[in-house]
């Protein structure tokens, strides 16, 4: 994976991890996301582990703020973890995140959050924020529009697509290496919409500025290309006009042309690289663009008739 993807993706994730949901139900949604992505339910403990220290810190703070639970933080082989071992605390968390069945047994599905927890719009934002933190990457601004979530199972991918559609962001799912289900966006405007939805305000500003600059560059290129095309068209037309004028000069002599045509023919020979408007302005008296075009067309028709006679 290229450095620009990693760096911008990490910037977005760092920004998202700085925010703390104000509503308790949103905090529970975030706790459920962290457990679904990194959690392990053991007989004597509920443990989460991540290679991102900020995630472990966030989870630790969420448990304290939401349930007043003092968990144990640890570091192990490059991973940062949080463990809750007190039975009643584990039970309170599992009940809150809705991963206990009717008999009180954990029903845990990797990467999937119970839909009951993401019914409101604010919780859907929290869900998408954390989906990006755990599964997402996005190209840096100006490096090609691509944002994706790499999921280990189809249901996780479908859940992300459903929540995106709530905000009218339509995403697609593809399969990678016959194993991973990849939710992706390849439209710059949709990616900017997503960054707004998850309230990554700094990243949104940077990304939208990039889109604006890209559009300006595209417009400039289109304008330059159009001007080049028009210039080439003008040069080709002038070359053909001069060719016709020289042919008539050889056949009948320019002095034998009507004065209106002769004056235009001489002006074109003297000014081979100007447009019709400028050519008309150089004549005495000045002539409009349509008048110049009409007379040059007459000259072309005369030259064609003489060619047909000579053929």
Protein backbone atom coordinates (compact mmCIF):
# COMPACT_ATOMS: atom_id res chain seq x y z
CA UNK A 1 0.00 0.00 0.00
CA UNK A 2 1.45 3.36 -1.02
CA UNK A 3 2.69 5.88 1.55
CA UNK A 4 0.24 8.60 0.47
CA UNK A 5 -2.74 6.31 1.18
CA UNK A 6 -1.43 5.36 4.60
CA UNK A 7 -0.52 8.89 5.65
CA UNK A 8 -3.82 10.52 4.66
CA UNK A 9 -5.83 7.57 5.99
CA UNK A 10 -4.01 7.84 9.31
CA UNK A 11 -4.69 11.59 9.42
CA UNK A 12 -8.40 10.92 8.96
CA UNK A 13 -8.38 8.17 11.60
CA UNK A 14 -6.51 10.34 14.09
CA UNK A 15 -9.06 13.09 13.59
CA UNK A 16 -11.97 10.68 14.08
CA UNK A 17 -10.45 9.18 17.22
CA UNK A 18 -10.21 12.62 18.84
CA UNK A 19 -13.98 12.99 19.03
CA UNK A 20 -15.96 11.63 22.00
CA UNK A 21 -19.72 11.04 21.57
CA UNK A 22 -21.73 13.21 23.94
CA UNK A 23 -24.77 10.90 24.08
CA UNK A 24 -24.54 7.70 26.13
CA UNK A 25 -26.22 5.59 23.45
CA UNK A 26 -23.62 6.80 20.90
CA UNK A 27 -20.82 5.86 23.29
CA UNK A 28 -22.33 2.39 23.60
CA UNK A 29 -22.40 2.12 19.81
CA UNK A 30 -18.70 2.99 19.72
CA UNK A 31 -17.90 0.44 22.43
CA UNK A 32 -19.82 -2.17 20.43
CA UNK A 33 -17.80 -1.29 17.32
CA UNK A 34 -14.50 -1.66 19.15
CA UNK A 35 -15.52 -5.02 20.60
CA UNK A 36 -16.84 -6.23 17.22
CA UNK A 37 -13.58 -5.28 15.49
CA UNK A 38 -10.95 -6.18 18.09
CA UNK A 39 -12.69 -7.91 20.97
CA UNK A 40 -12.31 -11.35 22.49
CA UNK A 41 -14.81 -12.76 24.97
CA UNK A 42 -13.21 -15.20 27.38
CA UNK A 43 -14.79 -17.08 30.30
CA UNK A 44 -13.04 -14.79 32.77
CA UNK A 45 -12.55 -11.54 30.82
CA UNK A 46 -13.55 -9.23 27.99
CA UNK A 47 -10.42 -8.14 26.11
CA UNK A 48 -9.75 -5.82 23.20
CA UNK A 49 -6.37 -5.56 21.44
CA UNK A 50 -5.20 -3.16 18.73
CA UNK A 51 -1.94 -2.08 17.16
CA UNK A 52 -3.22 1.51 17.48
CA UNK A 53 -2.64 2.85 20.98
CA UNK A 54 -5.25 5.56 20.46
CA UNK A 55 -7.99 2.93 20.05
CA UNK A 56 -7.10 1.26 23.34
CA UNK A 57 -7.00 4.66 25.06
CA UNK A 58 -10.37 5.57 23.58
CA UNK A 59 -11.95 2.30 24.70
CA UNK A 60 -10.54 2.69 28.22
CA UNK A 61 -12.01 6.22 28.44
CA UNK A 62 -15.37 5.10 27.02
CA UNK A 63 -15.72 2.35 29.64
CA UNK A 64 -14.97 4.82 32.42
CA UNK A 65 -17.26 7.54 31.09
CA UNK A 66 -20.17 5.24 30.15
CA UNK A 67 -20.15 2.55 32.84
CA UNK A 68 -17.71 3.95 35.45
CA UNK A 69 -15.63 0.81 34.94
CA UNK A 70 -11.91 0.85 35.72
CA UNK A 71 -10.37 -1.55 33.22
CA UNK A 72 -6.80 -2.82 33.03
CA UNK A 73 -4.61 -1.50 30.22
CA UNK A 74 -1.68 -3.55 28.93
CA UNK A 75 0.84 -3.77 26.11
CA UNK A 76 1.79 -7.08 24.53
CA UNK A 77 4.01 -7.82 21.51
CA UNK A 78 3.32 -4.49 19.83
CA UNK A 79 -0.39 -4.54 20.65
CA UNK A 80 -2.21 -2.28 23.07
CA UNK A 81 -5.02 -3.87 25.05
CA UNK A 82 -7.72 -3.27 27.61
CA UNK A 83 -9.08 -6.05 29.79
CA UNK A 84 -12.22 -6.17 31.93
CA UNK A 85 -12.15 -9.16 34.26
CA UNK A 86 -14.78 -8.36 36.88
CA UNK A 87 -17.73 -10.62 36.05
CA UNK A 88 -20.47 -8.06 36.76
CA UNK A 89 -18.63 -5.42 34.67
CA UNK A 90 -18.29 -7.82 31.74
CA UNK A 91 -21.98 -8.68 31.99
CA UNK A 92 -22.98 -4.99 32.07
CA UNK A 93 -20.94 -4.24 28.95
CA UNK A 94 -22.20 -7.28 27.01
CA UNK A 95 -25.81 -6.49 27.91
CA UNK A 96 -25.37 -2.87 26.81
CA UNK A 97 -23.86 -3.80 23.43
CA UNK A 98 -26.58 -6.43 22.82
CA UNK A 99 -24.36 -9.45 22.24
CA UNK A 100 -26.03 -11.72 24.77
CA UNK A 101 -28.71 -14.17 23.61
CA UNK A 102 -31.98 -14.86 25.41
CA UNK A 103 -30.19 -17.27 27.76
CA UNK A 104 -27.50 -14.76 28.64
CA UNK A 105 -24.77 -16.39 26.53
CA UNK A 106 -22.50 -14.23 24.34
CA UNK A 107 -23.40 -14.31 20.63
CA UNK A 108 -20.43 -12.61 19.08
CA UNK A 109 -19.94 -12.03 15.33
CA UNK A 110 -16.67 -10.53 14.15
CA UNK A 111 -17.08 -7.06 12.71
CA UNK A 112 -20.88 -6.90 13.08
CA UNK A 113 -22.78 -4.55 15.38
CA UNK A 114 -26.37 -5.36 16.39
CA UNK A 115 -28.68 -3.22 14.25
CA UNK A 116 -30.58 -2.17 17.37
CA UNK A 117 -27.60 0.00 18.33
CA UNK A 118 -27.47 1.96 15.07
CA UNK A 119 -31.05 3.07 14.52
CA UNK A 120 -30.61 6.82 15.05
CA UNK A 121 -28.71 9.10 12.69
CA UNK A 122 -26.13 10.07 15.32
CA UNK A 123 -25.34 6.42 16.05
CA UNK A 124 -25.06 5.71 12.34
CA UNK A 125 -22.39 8.43 12.14
CA UNK A 126 -20.55 6.83 15.06
CA UNK A 127 -20.80 3.45 13.33
CA UNK A 128 -19.34 4.81 10.07
CA UNK A 129 -16.59 6.71 11.90
CA UNK A 130 -15.41 3.54 13.56
CA UNK A 131 -15.93 1.42 10.46
CA UNK A 132 -13.39 3.66 8.76
CA UNK A 133 -11.02 3.57 11.74
CA UNK A 134 -10.98 -0.25 11.72
CA UNK A 135 -11.48 -1.18 8.07
CA UNK A 136 -10.98 1.94 5.97
CA UNK A 137 -8.36 3.58 3.79
CA UNK A 138 -8.62 6.58 1.46
CA UNK A 139 -6.30 7.97 -1.19
CA UNK A 140 -4.66 11.28 -0.41
CA UNK A 141 -6.22 14.34 -2.07
CA UNK A 142 -5.13 14.63 -5.68
CA UNK A 143 -3.99 10.99 -5.89
CA UNK A 144 -7.10 9.51 -7.50
CA UNK A 145 -10.52 9.12 -5.88
CA UNK A 146 -10.69 5.87 -3.92
CA UNK A 147 -12.02 5.03 -0.47
CA UNK A 148 -12.56 1.49 0.74
CA UNK A 149 -13.44 -0.71 3.72
CA UNK A 150 -11.89 -4.17 3.77
CA UNK A 151 -14.12 -6.61 5.68
CA UNK A 152 -13.52 -10.22 6.62
CA UNK A 153 -17.13 -11.27 5.99
CA UNK A 154 -19.97 -10.33 3.71
CA UNK A 155 -22.40 -9.29 6.44
CA UNK A 156 -19.94 -6.72 7.79
CA UNK A 157 -19.62 -5.24 4.27
CA UNK A 158 -23.39 -5.20 3.76
CA UNK A 159 -23.88 -3.45 7.09
CA UNK A 160 -21.51 -0.66 6.03
CA UNK A 161 -23.30 -0.31 2.68
CA UNK A 162 -26.68 -0.08 4.44
CA UNK A 163 -25.53 2.67 6.78
CA UNK A 164 -23.90 4.61 3.93
CA UNK A 165 -27.16 4.44 1.97
CA UNK A 166 -28.97 6.09 4.90
CA UNK A 167 -26.90 9.20 4.10
CA UNK A 168 -27.53 8.72 0.34
CA UNK A 169 -23.98 7.57 -0.35
CA UNK A 170 -24.18 4.56 -2.66
CA UNK A 171 -21.23 2.18 -2.37
CA UNK A 172 -20.34 -1.06 -4.12
CA UNK A 173 -18.95 -4.36 -2.82
CA UNK A 174 -16.19 -6.35 -4.48
CA UNK A 175 -14.28 -9.51 -3.57
CA UNK A 176 -10.49 -9.44 -3.07
CA UNK A 177 -8.28 -12.54 -3.03
CA UNK A 178 -11.41 -14.72 -2.85
CA UNK A 179 -11.63 -13.82 0.82
CA UNK A 180 -12.14 -10.17 1.67
CA UNK A 181 -15.33 -8.23 0.96
CA UNK A 182 -14.39 -4.68 -0.05
CA UNK A 183 -16.84 -1.78 0.15
CA UNK A 184 -15.60 1.03 -2.08
CA UNK A 185 -16.27 4.54 -3.38
CA UNK A 186 -14.53 5.82 -6.50
CA UNK A 187 -16.17 9.23 -6.86
CA UNK A 188 -14.50 12.30 -5.38
CA UNK A 189 -17.80 13.98 -4.46
CA UNK A 190 -19.04 10.85 -2.69
CA UNK A 191 -15.78 10.57 -0.75
CA UNK A 192 -16.07 14.22 0.29
CA UNK A 193 -19.68 13.49 1.37
CA UNK A 194 -18.46 10.58 3.48
CA UNK A 195 -15.80 12.69 5.20
CA UNK A 196 -18.49 15.29 5.99
CA UNK A 197 -20.84 12.60 7.33
CA UNK A 198 -18.23 11.26 9.76
CA UNK A 199 -17.35 14.84 10.74
CA UNK A 200 -13.70 14.66 9.71
CA UNK A 201 -13.78 18.42 9.20
CA UNK A 202 -10.07 19.04 8.57
CA UNK A 203 -9.83 16.11 6.16
CA UNK A 204 -13.02 17.27 4.40
CA UNK A 205 -11.57 20.76 3.89
CA UNK A 206 -8.31 19.36 2.51
CA UNK A 207 -10.11 16.92 0.25
CA UNK A 208 -12.60 19.48 -1.10
CA UNK A 209 -9.81 22.00 -1.71
CA UNK A 210 -8.08 19.30 -3.74
CA UNK A 211 -11.27 18.69 -5.75
CA UNK A 212 -11.56 22.42 -6.46
CA UNK A 213 -7.93 22.66 -7.57
CA UNK A 214 -8.36 19.57 -9.74
CA UNK A 215 -11.47 21.06 -11.36
CA UNK A 216 -9.64 24.34 -12.01
CA UNK A 217 -6.77 22.38 -13.58
CA UNK A 218 -9.19 20.35 -15.70
CA UNK A 219 -10.98 23.50 -16.85
CA UNK A 220 -7.65 25.12 -17.69
CA UNK A 221 -6.57 22.05 -19.66
CA UNK A 222 -9.89 21.96 -21.49
CA UNK A 223 -9.56 25.66 -22.31
CA UNK A 224 -5.97 25.23 -23.50
CA UNK A 225 -6.92 22.17 -25.57
CA UNK A 226 -9.84 24.06 -27.06
CA UNK A 227 -7.63 27.03 -27.89
CA UNK A 228 -5.00 24.75 -29.44
CA UNK A 229 -7.68 22.99 -31.48
CA UNK A 230 -9.15 26.32 -32.62
CA UNK A 231 -5.69 27.62 -33.45
CA UNK A 232 -4.92 24.51 -35.49
CA UNK A 233 -8.26 24.84 -37.26
CA UNK A 234 -7.55 28.49 -38.00
CA UNK A 235 -4.06 27.71 -39.33
CA UNK A 236 -5.38 24.92 -41.55
CA UNK A 237 -8.14 27.16 -42.90
CA UNK A 238 -5.68 29.98 -43.60
CA UNK A 239 -3.30 27.53 -45.34
CA UNK A 240 -6.13 26.34 -47.59
CA UNK A 241 -7.17 29.94 -48.35
CA UNK A 242 -3.60 30.90 -49.31
CA UNK A 243 -3.32 27.77 -51.45
CA UNK A 244 -6.51 28.76 -53.33
CA UNK A 245 -5.36 32.38 -53.73
CA UNK A 246 -1.98 31.31 -55.12
CA UNK A 247 -3.66 28.89 -57.50
CA UNK A 248 -5.94 31.64 -58.85
CA UNK A 249 -2.96 33.96 -59.16
CA UNK A 250 -1.24 31.37 -61.36
CA UNK A 251 -4.40 30.71 -63.40
CA UNK A 252 -5.84 34.17 -63.99
CA UNK A 253 -3.83 36.61 -61.89
CA UNK A 254 -5.19 38.38 -58.83
CA UNK A 255 -5.57 41.61 -60.81
CA UNK A 256 -8.39 39.93 -62.77
CA UNK A 257 -10.41 39.24 -59.62
CA UNK A 258 -13.25 41.59 -58.64
CA UNK A 259 -11.94 44.36 -56.37
CA UNK A 260 -13.87 43.01 -53.36
CA UNK A 261 -12.20 39.59 -53.72
CA UNK A 262 -8.76 40.90 -54.73
CA UNK A 263 -8.48 43.11 -51.61
CA UNK A 264 -9.31 40.18 -49.33
CA UNK A 265 -6.93 37.88 -51.21
CA UNK A 266 -4.05 40.34 -50.91
CA UNK A 267 -4.80 40.94 -47.23
CA UNK A 268 -4.72 37.19 -46.55
CA UNK A 269 -1.38 36.76 -48.35
CA UNK A 270 0.10 39.61 -46.30
CA UNK A 271 -1.34 38.27 -43.00
CA UNK A 272 -1.32 34.46 -43.17
CA UNK A 273 -1.52 33.87 -39.40
CA UNK A 274 -4.45 36.05 -38.28
CA UNK A 275 -8.09 35.10 -37.79
CA UNK A 276 -10.98 36.30 -39.90
CA UNK A 277 -11.98 39.02 -37.43
CA UNK A 278 -8.46 40.44 -37.27
CA UNK A 279 -8.12 40.17 -41.05
CA UNK A 280 -11.26 42.24 -41.55
CA UNK A 281 -10.01 44.90 -39.15
CA UNK A 282 -6.77 45.25 -41.15
CA UNK A 283 -8.61 46.02 -44.37
CA UNK A 284 -9.46 49.50 -45.62
CA UNK A 285 -12.27 50.09 -45.10
CA UNK A 286 -12.61 47.50 -42.27
CA UNK A 287 -14.77 44.47 -42.99
CA UNK A 288 -16.74 42.28 -40.60
CA UNK A 289 -15.84 38.64 -39.91
CA UNK A 290 -18.81 37.28 -41.87
CA UNK A 291 -17.95 39.52 -44.84
CA UNK A 292 -14.34 38.27 -44.88
CA UNK A 293 -15.51 34.67 -44.60
CA UNK A 294 -18.01 35.13 -47.44
CA UNK A 295 -15.36 36.56 -49.81
CA UNK A 296 -12.76 33.92 -48.98
CA UNK A 297 -15.37 31.26 -49.63
CA UNK A 298 -16.05 32.80 -53.04
CA UNK A 299 -12.33 32.67 -53.80
CA UNK A 300 -12.26 29.01 -52.75
CA UNK A 301 -15.20 28.21 -55.03
CA UNK A 302 -13.51 29.98 -57.97
CA UNK A 303 -10.28 28.06 -57.36
CA UNK A 304 -12.20 24.77 -57.26
CA UNK A 305 -13.94 25.52 -60.58
CA UNK A 306 -10.58 26.24 -62.25
CA UNK A 307 -9.14 23.01 -60.85
CA UNK A 308 -12.04 21.06 -62.29
CA UNK A 309 -11.49 22.68 -65.68
CA UNK A 310 -7.78 21.85 -65.58
CA UNK A 311 -8.39 18.26 -64.49
